[in-house]
PDB file of N, CA and C in Angstrom:
ATOM      1  N   MET A   1      -6.073  11.777  15.619  1.00  0.00           N
ATOM      2  CA  MET A   1      -4.845  12.022  16.331  1.00  0.00           C
ATOM      3  C   MET A   1      -5.094  13.155  17.332  1.00  0.00           C
ATOM      4  N   PRO A   2      -5.123  12.849  18.618  1.00  0.00           N
ATOM      5  CA  PRO A   2      -5.474  13.843  19.621  1.00  0.00           C
ATOM      6  C   PRO A   2      -4.406  14.912  19.852  1.00  0.00           C
ATOM      7  N   ASN A   3      -3.114  14.570  19.759  1.00  0.00           N
ATOM      8  CA  ASN A   3      -2.051  15.524  20.061  1.00  0.00           C
ATOM      9  C   ASN A   3      -0.944  15.476  19.009  1.00  0.00           C
ATOM     10  N   PRO A   4      -1.175  16.109  17.860  1.00  0.00           N
ATOM     11  CA  PRO A   4      -0.131  16.101  16.839  1.00  0.00           C
ATOM     12  C   PRO A   4       1.094  16.880  17.330  1.00  0.00           C
ATOM     13  N   LEU A   5       2.260  16.488  16.858  1.00  0.00           N
ATOM     14  CA  LEU A   5       3.504  17.133  17.264  1.00  0.00           C
ATOM     15  C   LEU A   5       4.312  17.464  16.014  1.00  0.00           C
ATOM     16  N   LEU A   6       4.578  18.756  15.822  1.00  0.00           N
ATOM     17  CA  LEU A   6       5.249  19.262  14.628  1.00  0.00           C
ATOM     18  C   LEU A   6       6.721  19.529  14.913  1.00  0.00           C
ATOM     19  N   TYR A   7       7.587  19.120  13.993  1.00  0.00           N
ATOM     20  CA  TYR A   7       9.017  19.404  14.076  1.00  0.00           C
ATOM     21  C   TYR A   7       9.404  20.237  12.867  1.00  0.00           C
ATOM     22  N   GLU A   8       9.940  21.434  13.105  1.00  0.00           N
ATOM     23  CA  GLU A   8      10.370  22.314  12.020  1.00  0.00           C
ATOM     24  C   GLU A   8      11.866  22.134  11.788  1.00  0.00           C
ATOM     25  N   VAL A   9      12.226  21.874  10.547  1.00  0.00           N
ATOM     26  CA  VAL A   9      13.610  21.628  10.161  1.00  0.00           C
ATOM     27  C   VAL A   9      14.084  22.780   9.277  1.00  0.00           C
ATOM     28  N   ASN A  10      15.230  23.381   9.630  1.00  0.00           N
ATOM     29  CA  ASN A  10      15.858  24.354   8.740  1.00  0.00           C
ATOM     30  C   ASN A  10      16.541  23.521   7.650  1.00  0.00           C
ATOM     31  N   THR A  11      15.863  23.332   6.550  1.00  0.00           N
ATOM     32  CA  THR A  11      16.229  22.347   5.537  1.00  0.00           C
ATOM     33  C   THR A  11      17.663  22.467   5.052  1.00  0.00           C
ATOM     34  N   ARG A  12      18.071  23.656   4.650  1.00  0.00           N
ATOM     35  CA  ARG A  12      19.418  23.793   4.083  1.00  0.00           C
ATOM     36  C   ARG A  12      20.500  23.514   5.120  1.00  0.00           C
ATOM     37  N   CYS A  13      20.324  24.016   6.321  1.00  0.00           N
ATOM     38  CA  CYS A  13      21.311  23.771   7.388  1.00  0.00           C
ATOM     39  C   CYS A  13      21.359  22.291   7.750  1.00  0.00           C
ATOM     40  N   TRP A  14      20.197  21.675   7.842  1.00  0.00           N
ATOM     41  CA  TRP A  14      20.101  20.256   8.194  1.00  0.00           C
ATOM     42  C   TRP A  14      20.781  19.382   7.141  1.00  0.00           C
ATOM     43  N   LEU A  15      20.493  19.651   5.857  1.00  0.00           N
ATOM     44  CA  LEU A  15      21.098  18.856   4.786  1.00  0.00           C
ATOM     45  C   LEU A  15      22.613  19.070   4.735  1.00  0.00           C
ATOM     46  N   ARG A  16      23.050  20.294   5.001  1.00  0.00           N
ATOM     47  CA  ARG A  16      24.487  20.572   5.033  1.00  0.00           C
ATOM     48  C   ARG A  16      25.156  19.771   6.150  1.00  0.00           C
ATOM     49  N   ALA A  17      24.551  19.775   7.334  1.00  0.00           N
ATOM     50  CA  ALA A  17      25.112  19.027   8.469  1.00  0.00           C
ATOM     51  C   ALA A  17      25.150  17.533   8.178  1.00  0.00           C
ATOM     52  N   LEU A  18      24.081  17.006   7.586  1.00  0.00           N
ATOM     53  CA  LEU A  18      24.058  15.583   7.227  1.00  0.00           C
ATOM     54  C   LEU A  18      25.143  15.259   6.198  1.00  0.00           C
ATOM     55  N   SER A  19      25.345  16.170   5.252  1.00  0.00           N
ATOM     56  CA  SER A  19      26.369  15.963   4.225  1.00  0.00           C
ATOM     57  C   SER A  19      27.760  15.947   4.849  1.00  0.00           C
ATOM     58  N   GLU A  20      28.007  16.878   5.749  1.00  0.00           N
ATOM     59  CA  GLU A  20      29.311  16.925   6.411  1.00  0.00           C
ATOM     60  C   GLU A  20      29.544  15.680   7.260  1.00  0.00           C
ATOM     61  N   LYS A  21      28.504  15.239   7.950  1.00  0.00           N
ATOM     62  CA  LYS A  21      28.602  14.062   8.810  1.00  0.00           C
ATOM     63  C   LYS A  21      28.878  12.793   8.000  1.00  0.00           C
ATOM     64  N   SER A  22      28.224  12.664   6.856  1.00  0.00           N
ATOM     65  CA  SER A  22      28.348  11.446   6.059  1.00  0.00           C
ATOM     66  C   SER A  22      29.512  11.487   5.066  1.00  0.00           C
ATOM     67  N   GLY A  23      30.005  12.695   4.789  1.00  0.00           N
ATOM     68  CA  GLY A  23      31.090  12.815   3.820  1.00  0.00           C
ATOM     69  C   GLY A  23      30.634  12.725   2.381  1.00  0.00           C
ATOM     70  N   THR A  24      29.333  12.780   2.171  1.00  0.00           N
ATOM     71  CA  THR A  24      28.764  12.735   0.823  1.00  0.00           C
ATOM     72  C   THR A  24      27.570  13.692   0.772  1.00  0.00           C
ATOM     73  N   ALA A  25      27.200  14.111  -0.420  1.00  0.00           N
ATOM     74  CA  ALA A  25      26.091  15.055  -0.563  1.00  0.00           C
ATOM     75  C   ALA A  25      24.767  14.406  -0.175  1.00  0.00           C
ATOM     76  N   VAL A  26      24.082  15.017   0.773  1.00  0.00           N
ATOM     77  CA  VAL A  26      22.755  14.547   1.167  1.00  0.00           C
ATOM     78  C   VAL A  26      21.749  15.586   0.704  1.00  0.00           C
ATOM     79  N   THR A  27      20.752  15.125  -0.036  1.00  0.00           N
ATOM     80  CA  THR A  27      19.651  15.980  -0.475  1.00  0.00           C
ATOM     81  C   THR A  27      18.361  15.372   0.058  1.00  0.00           C
ATOM     82  N   LEU A  28      17.257  15.990  -0.256  1.00  0.00           N
ATOM     83  CA  LEU A  28      15.970  15.443   0.175  1.00  0.00           C
ATOM     84  C   LEU A  28      15.747  14.039  -0.389  1.00  0.00           C
ATOM     85  N   ALA A  29      16.370  13.745  -1.516  1.00  0.00           N
ATOM     86  CA  ALA A  29      16.175  12.444  -2.158  1.00  0.00           C
ATOM     87  C   ALA A  29      16.871  11.298  -1.436  1.00  0.00           C
ATOM     88  N   ASN A  30      17.894  11.599  -0.636  1.00  0.00           N
ATOM     89  CA  ASN A  30      18.648  10.508  -0.023  1.00  0.00           C
ATOM     90  C   ASN A  30      18.896  10.706   1.476  1.00  0.00           C
ATOM     91  N   VAL A  31      17.946  11.329   2.144  1.00  0.00           N
ATOM     92  CA  VAL A  31      18.045  11.488   3.591  1.00  0.00           C
ATOM     93  C   VAL A  31      18.083  10.098   4.231  1.00  0.00           C
ATOM     94  N   PRO A  32      19.039   9.872   5.140  1.00  0.00           N
ATOM     95  CA  PRO A  32      19.119   8.554   5.777  1.00  0.00           C
ATOM     96  C   PRO A  32      17.843   8.209   6.553  1.00  0.00           C
ATOM     97  N   ASP A  33      17.452   6.949   6.486  1.00  0.00           N
ATOM     98  CA  ASP A  33      16.274   6.480   7.219  1.00  0.00           C
ATOM     99  C   ASP A  33      16.405   6.751   8.710  1.00  0.00           C
ATOM    100  N   SER A  34      17.633   6.759   9.209  1.00  0.00           N
ATOM    101  CA  SER A  34      17.858   6.977  10.642  1.00  0.00           C
ATOM    102  C   SER A  34      17.341   8.339  11.099  1.00  0.00           C
ATOM    103  N   GLU A  35      17.360   9.333  10.220  1.00  0.00           N
ATOM    104  CA  GLU A  35      16.832  10.658  10.572  1.00  0.00           C
ATOM    105  C   GLU A  35      15.337  10.571  10.856  1.00  0.00           C
ATOM    106  N   ILE A  36      14.633   9.924   9.963  1.00  0.00           N
ATOM    107  CA  ILE A  36      13.180   9.802  10.110  1.00  0.00           C
ATOM    108  C   ILE A  36      12.849   8.905  11.301  1.00  0.00           C
ATOM    109  N   ASP A  37      13.620   7.840  11.466  1.00  0.00           N
ATOM    110  CA  ASP A  37      13.425   6.967  12.624  1.00  0.00           C
ATOM    111  C   ASP A  37      13.568   7.749  13.930  1.00  0.00           C
ATOM    112  N   GLY A  38      14.566   8.621  13.977  1.00  0.00           N
ATOM    113  CA  GLY A  38      14.790   9.428  15.180  1.00  0.00           C
ATOM    114  C   GLY A  38      13.617  10.339  15.485  1.00  0.00           C
ATOM    115  N   TRP A  39      13.076  10.978  14.462  1.00  0.00           N
ATOM    116  CA  TRP A  39      11.911  11.845  14.669  1.00  0.00           C
ATOM    117  C   TRP A  39      10.720  11.035  15.161  1.00  0.00           C
ATOM    118  N   GLN A  40      10.565   9.869  14.567  1.00  0.00           N
ATOM    119  CA  GLN A  40       9.444   9.010  14.943  1.00  0.00           C
ATOM    120  C   GLN A  40       9.568   8.581  16.409  1.00  0.00           C
ATOM    121  N   LYS A  41      10.770   8.220  16.830  1.00  0.00           N
ATOM    122  CA  LYS A  41      10.993   7.812  18.224  1.00  0.00           C
ATOM    123  C   LYS A  41      10.710   8.943  19.207  1.00  0.00           C
ATOM    124  N   LEU A  42      10.939  10.180  18.764  1.00  0.00           N
ATOM    125  CA  LEU A  42      10.659  11.339  19.614  1.00  0.00           C
ATOM    126  C   LEU A  42       9.171  11.706  19.635  1.00  0.00           C
ATOM    127  N   GLY A  43       8.388  11.065  18.774  1.00  0.00           N
ATOM    128  CA  GLY A  43       6.945  11.277  18.775  1.00  0.00           C
ATOM    129  C   GLY A  43       6.431  12.312  17.802  1.00  0.00           C
ATOM    130  N   PHE A  44       7.290  12.789  16.901  1.00  0.00           N
ATOM    131  CA  PHE A  44       6.825  13.794  15.941  1.00  0.00           C
ATOM    132  C   PHE A  44       5.899  13.151  14.916  1.00  0.00           C
ATOM    133  N   THR A  45       4.808  13.842  14.648  1.00  0.00           N
ATOM    134  CA  THR A  45       3.813  13.339  13.703  1.00  0.00           C
ATOM    135  C   THR A  45       3.792  14.133  12.400  1.00  0.00           C
ATOM    136  N   TYR A  46       4.404  15.313  12.411  1.00  0.00           N
ATOM    137  CA  TYR A  46       4.482  16.158  11.223  1.00  0.00           C
ATOM    138  C   TYR A  46       5.872  16.772  11.137  1.00  0.00           C
ATOM    139  N   ILE A  47       6.385  16.899   9.915  1.00  0.00           N
ATOM    140  CA  ILE A  47       7.678  17.526   9.674  1.00  0.00           C
ATOM    141  C   ILE A  47       7.442  18.736   8.777  1.00  0.00           C
ATOM    142  N   TRP A  48       7.968  19.882   9.193  1.00  0.00           N
ATOM    143  CA  TRP A  48       7.847  21.122   8.431  1.00  0.00           C
ATOM    144  C   TRP A  48       9.225  21.461   7.888  1.00  0.00           C
ATOM    145  N   LEU A  49       9.384  21.493   6.579  1.00  0.00           N
ATOM    146  CA  LEU A  49      10.656  21.818   5.955  1.00  0.00           C
ATOM    147  C   LEU A  49      10.744  23.322   5.703  1.00  0.00           C
ATOM    148  N   MET A  50      11.340  24.035   6.638  1.00  0.00           N
ATOM    149  CA  MET A  50      11.536  25.479   6.481  1.00  0.00           C
ATOM    150  C   MET A  50      12.632  25.720   5.445  1.00  0.00           C
ATOM    151  N   GLY A  51      12.393  26.616   4.538  1.00  0.00           N
ATOM    152  CA  GLY A  51      13.399  26.996   3.561  1.00  0.00           C
ATOM    153  C   GLY A  51      13.553  26.034   2.403  1.00  0.00           C
ATOM    154  N   VAL A  52      12.505  25.281   2.116  1.00  0.00           N
ATOM    155  CA  VAL A  52      12.592  24.324   1.013  1.00  0.00           C
ATOM    156  C   VAL A  52      12.372  25.006  -0.348  1.00  0.00           C
ATOM    157  N   TRP A  53      11.747  26.172  -0.363  1.00  0.00           N
ATOM    158  CA  TRP A  53      11.469  26.852  -1.627  1.00  0.00           C
ATOM    159  C   TRP A  53      12.649  27.734  -2.046  1.00  0.00           C
ATOM    160  N   THR A  54      12.683  28.096  -3.294  1.00  0.00           N
ATOM    161  CA  THR A  54      13.733  28.952  -3.834  1.00  0.00           C
ATOM    162  C   THR A  54      13.613  30.353  -3.237  1.00  0.00           C
ATOM    163  N   THR A  55      14.736  30.873  -2.755  1.00  0.00           N
ATOM    164  CA  THR A  55      14.733  32.217  -2.179  1.00  0.00           C
ATOM    165  C   THR A  55      14.924  33.258  -3.270  1.00  0.00           C
ATOM    166  N   GLY A  56      14.474  34.466  -2.962  1.00  0.00           N
ATOM    167  CA  GLY A  56      14.560  35.552  -3.929  1.00  0.00           C
ATOM    168  C   GLY A  56      15.960  36.141  -4.016  1.00  0.00           C
ATOM    169  N   PRO A  57      16.364  36.560  -5.212  1.00  0.00           N
ATOM    170  CA  PRO A  57      17.710  37.095  -5.399  1.00  0.00           C
ATOM    171  C   PRO A  57      17.956  38.408  -4.644  1.00  0.00           C
ATOM    172  N   ARG A  58      16.934  39.226  -4.490  1.00  0.00           N
ATOM    173  CA  ARG A  58      17.133  40.495  -3.764  1.00  0.00           C
ATOM    174  C   ARG A  58      17.398  40.240  -2.292  1.00  0.00           C
ATOM    175  N   ALA A  59      16.699  39.282  -1.708  1.00  0.00           N
ATOM    176  CA  ALA A  59      16.918  38.968  -0.294  1.00  0.00           C
ATOM    177  C   ALA A  59      18.326  38.420  -0.090  1.00  0.00           C
ATOM    178  N   ARG A  60      18.797  37.603  -1.005  1.00  0.00           N
ATOM    179  CA  ARG A  60      20.154  37.059  -0.908  1.00  0.00           C
ATOM    180  C   ARG A  60      21.167  38.186  -1.025  1.00  0.00           C
ATOM    181  N   ALA A  61      20.959  39.098  -1.962  1.00  0.00           N
ATOM    182  CA  ALA A  61      21.879  40.228  -2.138  1.00  0.00           C
ATOM    183  C   ALA A  61      21.931  41.080  -0.868  1.00  0.00           C
ATOM    184  N   GLU A  62      20.784  41.295  -0.245  1.00  0.00           N
ATOM    185  CA  GLU A  62      20.742  42.070   1.010  1.00  0.00           C
ATOM    186  C   GLU A  62      21.491  41.345   2.124  1.00  0.00           C
ATOM    187  N   ALA A  63      21.332  40.035   2.186  1.00  0.00           N
ATOM    188  CA  ALA A  63      22.026  39.246   3.211  1.00  0.00           C
ATOM    189  C   ALA A  63      23.534  39.320   3.017  1.00  0.00           C
ATOM    190  N   LEU A  64      23.979  39.345   1.780  1.00  0.00           N
ATOM    191  CA  LEU A  64      25.415  39.393   1.508  1.00  0.00           C
ATOM    192  C   LEU A  64      26.027  40.761   1.777  1.00  0.00           C
ATOM    193  N   LYS A  65      25.259  41.819   1.630  1.00  0.00           N
ATOM    194  CA  LYS A  65      25.858  43.141   1.828  1.00  0.00           C
ATOM    195  C   LYS A  65      25.731  43.655   3.267  1.00  0.00           C
ATOM    196  N   SER A  66      25.018  42.951   4.112  1.00  0.00           N
ATOM    197  CA  SER A  66      24.828  43.369   5.497  1.00  0.00           C
ATOM    198  C   SER A  66      26.074  43.053   6.342  1.00  0.00           C
ATOM    199  N   PRO A  67      26.740  44.074   6.885  1.00  0.00           N
ATOM    200  CA  PRO A  67      27.918  43.828   7.725  1.00  0.00           C
ATOM    201  C   PRO A  67      27.582  43.002   8.975  1.00  0.00           C
ATOM    202  N   GLU A  68      26.417  43.229   9.548  1.00  0.00           N
ATOM    203  CA  GLU A  68      26.009  42.479  10.738  1.00  0.00           C
ATOM    204  C   GLU A  68      25.848  40.989  10.427  1.00  0.00           C
ATOM    205  N   LEU A  69      25.206  40.692   9.305  1.00  0.00           N
ATOM    206  CA  LEU A  69      25.033  39.292   8.923  1.00  0.00           C
ATOM    207  C   LEU A  69      26.366  38.647   8.561  1.00  0.00           C
ATOM    208  N   ARG A  70      27.228  39.381   7.892  1.00  0.00           N
ATOM    209  CA  ARG A  70      28.544  38.827   7.531  1.00  0.00           C
ATOM    210  C   ARG A  70      29.334  38.461   8.789  1.00  0.00           C
ATOM    211  N   ARG A  71      29.247  39.303   9.824  1.00  0.00           N
ATOM    212  CA  ARG A  71      29.918  38.979  11.093  1.00  0.00           C
ATOM    213  C   ARG A  71      29.294  37.726  11.713  1.00  0.00           C
ATOM    214  N   ALA A  72      27.985  37.624  11.640  1.00  0.00           N
ATOM    215  CA  ALA A  72      27.300  36.442  12.187  1.00  0.00           C
ATOM    216  C   ALA A  72      27.714  35.184  11.427  1.00  0.00           C
ATOM    217  N   TYR A  73      27.835  35.282  10.108  1.00  0.00           N
ATOM    218  CA  TYR A  73      28.275  34.126   9.321  1.00  0.00           C
ATOM    219  C   TYR A  73      29.669  33.695   9.759  1.00  0.00           C
ATOM    220  N   ASP A  74      30.558  34.689   9.987  1.00  0.00           N
ATOM    221  CA  ASP A  74      31.916  34.375  10.443  1.00  0.00           C
ATOM    222  C   ASP A  74      31.909  33.611  11.761  1.00  0.00           C
ATOM    223  N   GLU A  75      30.981  33.976  12.641  1.00  0.00           N
ATOM    224  CA  GLU A  75      30.912  33.332  13.961  1.00  0.00           C
ATOM    225  C   GLU A  75      30.383  31.898  13.882  1.00  0.00           C
ATOM    226  N   VAL A  76      29.328  31.705  13.111  1.00  0.00           N
ATOM    227  CA  VAL A  76      28.675  30.390  13.110  1.00  0.00           C
ATOM    228  C   VAL A  76      29.160  29.448  12.011  1.00  0.00           C
ATOM    229  N   LEU A  77      29.805  29.988  10.997  1.00  0.00           N
ATOM    230  CA  LEU A  77      30.258  29.165   9.883  1.00  0.00           C
ATOM    231  C   LEU A  77      31.643  29.628   9.417  1.00  0.00           C
ATOM    232  N   PRO A  78      32.674  29.354  10.233  1.00  0.00           N
ATOM    233  CA  PRO A  78      34.026  29.779   9.844  1.00  0.00           C
ATOM    234  C   PRO A  78      34.383  29.245   8.459  1.00  0.00           C
ATOM    235  N   GLY A  79      34.993  30.114   7.663  1.00  0.00           N
ATOM    236  CA  GLY A  79      35.381  29.712   6.316  1.00  0.00           C
ATOM    237  C   GLY A  79      34.258  29.780   5.299  1.00  0.00           C
ATOM    238  N   TRP A  80      33.122  30.390   5.664  1.00  0.00           N
ATOM    239  CA  TRP A  80      31.985  30.461   4.748  1.00  0.00           C
ATOM    240  C   TRP A  80      32.380  31.223   3.483  1.00  0.00           C
ATOM    241  N   THR A  81      31.632  30.958   2.417  1.00  0.00           N
ATOM    242  CA  THR A  81      31.785  31.704   1.166  1.00  0.00           C
ATOM    243  C   THR A  81      30.416  32.250   0.781  1.00  0.00           C
ATOM    244  N   GLU A  82      30.398  33.143  -0.149  1.00  0.00           N
ATOM    245  CA  GLU A  82      29.121  33.721  -0.576  1.00  0.00           C
ATOM    246  C   GLU A  82      28.177  32.663  -1.138  1.00  0.00           C
ATOM    247  N   ALA A  83      28.712  31.577  -1.654  1.00  0.00           N
ATOM    248  CA  ALA A  83      27.877  30.483  -2.172  1.00  0.00           C
ATOM    249  C   ALA A  83      27.090  29.811  -1.047  1.00  0.00           C
ATOM    250  N   ASP A  84      27.549  29.957   0.203  1.00  0.00           N
ATOM    251  CA  ASP A  84      26.857  29.368   1.348  1.00  0.00           C
ATOM    252  C   ASP A  84      25.608  30.152   1.744  1.00  0.00           C
ATOM    253  N   VAL A  85      25.468  31.365   1.244  1.00  0.00           N
ATOM    254  CA  VAL A  85      24.363  32.239   1.647  1.00  0.00           C
ATOM    255  C   VAL A  85      23.232  32.135   0.630  1.00  0.00           C
ATOM    256  N   ALA A  86      22.131  31.528   1.058  1.00  0.00           N
ATOM    257  CA  ALA A  86      20.987  31.361   0.158  1.00  0.00           C
ATOM    258  C   ALA A  86      19.973  32.485   0.316  1.00  0.00           C
ATOM    259  N   GLY A  87      20.051  33.222   1.407  1.00  0.00           N
ATOM    260  CA  GLY A  87      19.057  34.245   1.707  1.00  0.00           C
ATOM    261  C   GLY A  87      18.066  33.710   2.714  1.00  0.00           C
ATOM    262  N   SER A  88      17.170  34.556   3.134  1.00  0.00           N
ATOM    263  CA  SER A  88      16.187  34.174   4.141  1.00  0.00           C
ATOM    264  C   SER A  88      15.241  33.092   3.619  1.00  0.00           C
ATOM    265  N   PRO A  89      14.994  32.051   4.437  1.00  0.00           N
ATOM    266  CA  PRO A  89      14.048  31.024   4.002  1.00  0.00           C
ATOM    267  C   PRO A  89      12.622  31.561   3.894  1.00  0.00           C
ATOM    268  N   TYR A  90      12.396  32.768   4.420  1.00  0.00           N
ATOM    269  CA  TYR A  90      11.062  33.366   4.357  1.00  0.00           C
ATOM    270  C   TYR A  90      10.913  34.331   3.179  1.00  0.00           C
ATOM    271  N   ALA A  91      12.010  34.564   2.444  1.00  0.00           N
ATOM    272  CA  ALA A  91      11.967  35.442   1.272  1.00  0.00           C
ATOM    273  C   ALA A  91      11.850  34.557   0.036  1.00  0.00           C
ATOM    274  N   ILE A  92      10.669  34.035  -0.177  1.00  0.00           N
ATOM    275  CA  ILE A  92      10.438  33.069  -1.255  1.00  0.00           C
ATOM    276  C   ILE A  92      10.348  33.791  -2.591  1.00  0.00           C
ATOM    277  N   GLY A  93      11.209  33.367  -3.505  1.00  0.00           N
ATOM    278  CA  GLY A  93      11.202  33.947  -4.839  1.00  0.00           C
ATOM    279  C   GLY A  93      10.436  33.089  -5.832  1.00  0.00           C
ATOM    280  N   ASP A  94      10.316  31.797  -5.513  1.00  0.00           N
ATOM    281  CA  ASP A  94       9.660  30.869  -6.415  1.00  0.00           C
ATOM    282  C   ASP A  94       9.295  29.606  -5.639  1.00  0.00           C
ATOM    283  N   TYR A  95       8.140  29.079  -5.896  1.00  0.00           N
ATOM    284  CA  TYR A  95       7.695  27.864  -5.203  1.00  0.00           C
ATOM    285  C   TYR A  95       8.151  26.610  -5.945  1.00  0.00           C
ATOM    286  N   HIS A  96       9.460  26.510  -6.100  1.00  0.00           N
ATOM    287  CA  HIS A  96      10.106  25.330  -6.651  1.00  0.00           C
ATOM    288  C   HIS A  96      11.269  24.984  -5.738  1.00  0.00           C
ATOM    289  N   VAL A  97      11.549  23.703  -5.596  1.00  0.00           N
ATOM    290  CA  VAL A  97      12.641  23.245  -4.746  1.00  0.00           C
ATOM    291  C   VAL A  97      13.947  23.370  -5.536  1.00  0.00           C
ATOM    292  N   PRO A  98      14.937  24.069  -4.987  1.00  0.00           N
ATOM    293  CA  PRO A  98      16.204  24.222  -5.709  1.00  0.00           C
ATOM    294  C   PRO A  98      16.891  22.868  -5.948  1.00  0.00           C
ATOM    295  N   PRO A  99      17.541  22.714  -7.091  1.00  0.00           N
ATOM    296  CA  PRO A  99      18.237  21.454  -7.388  1.00  0.00           C
ATOM    297  C   PRO A  99      19.267  21.080  -6.327  1.00  0.00           C
ATOM    298  N   GLY A 100      19.915  22.053  -5.722  1.00  0.00           N
ATOM    299  CA  GLY A 100      20.957  21.777  -4.744  1.00  0.00           C
ATOM    300  C   GLY A 100      20.483  21.046  -3.500  1.00  0.00           C
ATOM    301  N   ILE A 101      19.178  21.119  -3.226  1.00  0.00           N
ATOM    302  CA  ILE A 101      18.660  20.383  -2.065  1.00  0.00           C
ATOM    303  C   ILE A 101      17.789  19.191  -2.487  1.00  0.00           C
ATOM    304  N   GLY A 102      17.776  18.930  -3.788  1.00  0.00           N
ATOM    305  CA  GLY A 102      17.067  17.734  -4.258  1.00  0.00           C
ATOM    306  C   GLY A 102      16.038  17.971  -5.337  1.00  0.00           C
ATOM    307  N   GLY A 103      15.667  19.227  -5.556  1.00  0.00           N
ATOM    308  CA  GLY A 103      14.680  19.523  -6.584  1.00  0.00           C
ATOM    309  C   GLY A 103      13.303  18.949  -6.257  1.00  0.00           C
ATOM    310  N   GLU A 104      12.401  19.098  -7.195  1.00  0.00           N
ATOM    311  CA  GLU A 104      11.030  18.624  -7.015  1.00  0.00           C
ATOM    312  C   GLU A 104      10.983  17.107  -6.812  1.00  0.00           C
ATOM    313  N   ALA A 105      11.808  16.385  -7.560  1.00  0.00           N
ATOM    314  CA  ALA A 105      11.833  14.928  -7.438  1.00  0.00           C
ATOM    315  C   ALA A 105      12.326  14.509  -6.051  1.00  0.00           C
ATOM    316  N   GLY A 106      13.315  15.212  -5.532  1.00  0.00           N
ATOM    317  CA  GLY A 106      13.825  14.905  -4.197  1.00  0.00           C
ATOM    318  C   GLY A 106      12.779  15.120  -3.128  1.00  0.00           C
ATOM    319  N   LEU A 107      12.006  16.192  -3.262  1.00  0.00           N
ATOM    320  CA  LEU A 107      10.938  16.456  -2.298  1.00  0.00           C
ATOM    321  C   LEU A 107       9.888  15.352  -2.355  1.00  0.00           C
ATOM    322  N   ARG A 108       9.539  14.908  -3.569  1.00  0.00           N
ATOM    323  CA  ARG A 108       8.576  13.802  -3.702  1.00  0.00           C
ATOM    324  C   ARG A 108       9.105  12.546  -3.013  1.00  0.00           C
ATOM    325  N   GLU A 109      10.373  12.233  -3.233  1.00  0.00           N
ATOM    326  CA  GLU A 109      10.962  11.040  -2.612  1.00  0.00           C
ATOM    327  C   GLU A 109      10.976  11.159  -1.092  1.00  0.00           C
ATOM    328  N   PHE A 110      11.293  12.340  -0.579  1.00  0.00           N
ATOM    329  CA  PHE A 110      11.319  12.557   0.865  1.00  0.00           C
ATOM    330  C   PHE A 110       9.923  12.370   1.455  1.00  0.00           C
ATOM    331  N   ARG A 111       8.924  12.939   0.797  1.00  0.00           N
ATOM    332  CA  ARG A 111       7.544  12.787   1.277  1.00  0.00           C
ATOM    333  C   ARG A 111       7.120  11.316   1.274  1.00  0.00           C
ATOM    334  N   GLU A 112       7.489  10.593   0.219  1.00  0.00           N
ATOM    335  CA  GLU A 112       7.152   9.159   0.160  1.00  0.00           C
ATOM    336  C   GLU A 112       7.822   8.387   1.294  1.00  0.00           C
ATOM    337  N   LYS A 113       9.065   8.736   1.574  1.00  0.00           N
ATOM    338  CA  LYS A 113       9.792   8.068   2.646  1.00  0.00           C
ATOM    339  C   LYS A 113       9.118   8.354   3.995  1.00  0.00           C
ATOM    340  N   LEU A 114       8.696   9.594   4.204  1.00  0.00           N
ATOM    341  CA  LEU A 114       7.986   9.936   5.438  1.00  0.00           C
ATOM    342  C   LEU A 114       6.694   9.129   5.568  1.00  0.00           C
ATOM    343  N   ARG A 115       5.919   9.102   4.492  1.00  0.00           N
ATOM    344  CA  ARG A 115       4.667   8.361   4.510  1.00  0.00           C
ATOM    345  C   ARG A 115       4.909   6.869   4.749  1.00  0.00           C
ATOM    346  N   GLY A 116       5.951   6.352   4.148  1.00  0.00           N
ATOM    347  CA  GLY A 116       6.271   4.942   4.263  1.00  0.00           C
ATOM    348  C   GLY A 116       6.658   4.526   5.682  1.00  0.00           C
ATOM    349  N   GLN A 117       7.171   5.485   6.446  1.00  0.00           N
ATOM    350  CA  GLN A 117       7.579   5.171   7.813  1.00  0.00           C
ATOM    351  C   GLN A 117       6.548   5.624   8.840  1.00  0.00           C
ATOM    352  N   GLY A 118       5.404   6.034   8.349  1.00  0.00           N
ATOM    353  CA  GLY A 118       4.308   6.370   9.242  1.00  0.00           C
ATOM    354  C   GLY A 118       4.288   7.788   9.619  1.00  0.00           C
TER     355      GLY A 118
END
């Protein structure tokens, strides 16, 4: 492959948007085929799932107590609750996929779906 093309997905935000759009919970296990088809049509050859690992509790606590971040949450996510704040996707507390986004089994299914569509 002479020119690979990587697409980075903010996993939690993306799954939340898909869930809101479809009116049902979307996790890594049940991502619509149309999402992968769209990436393929755009020429992406690799998908990077940013924030797929469990975040650390201290980073989440810091995000919740920061007045600047709380104002930013108000701007971009009106009506947010503390449950919406997972913490920084770069503050990895554990290399396991949280159940809320599909867990380990969901990640396996997502990878299989990607492989199956080329």
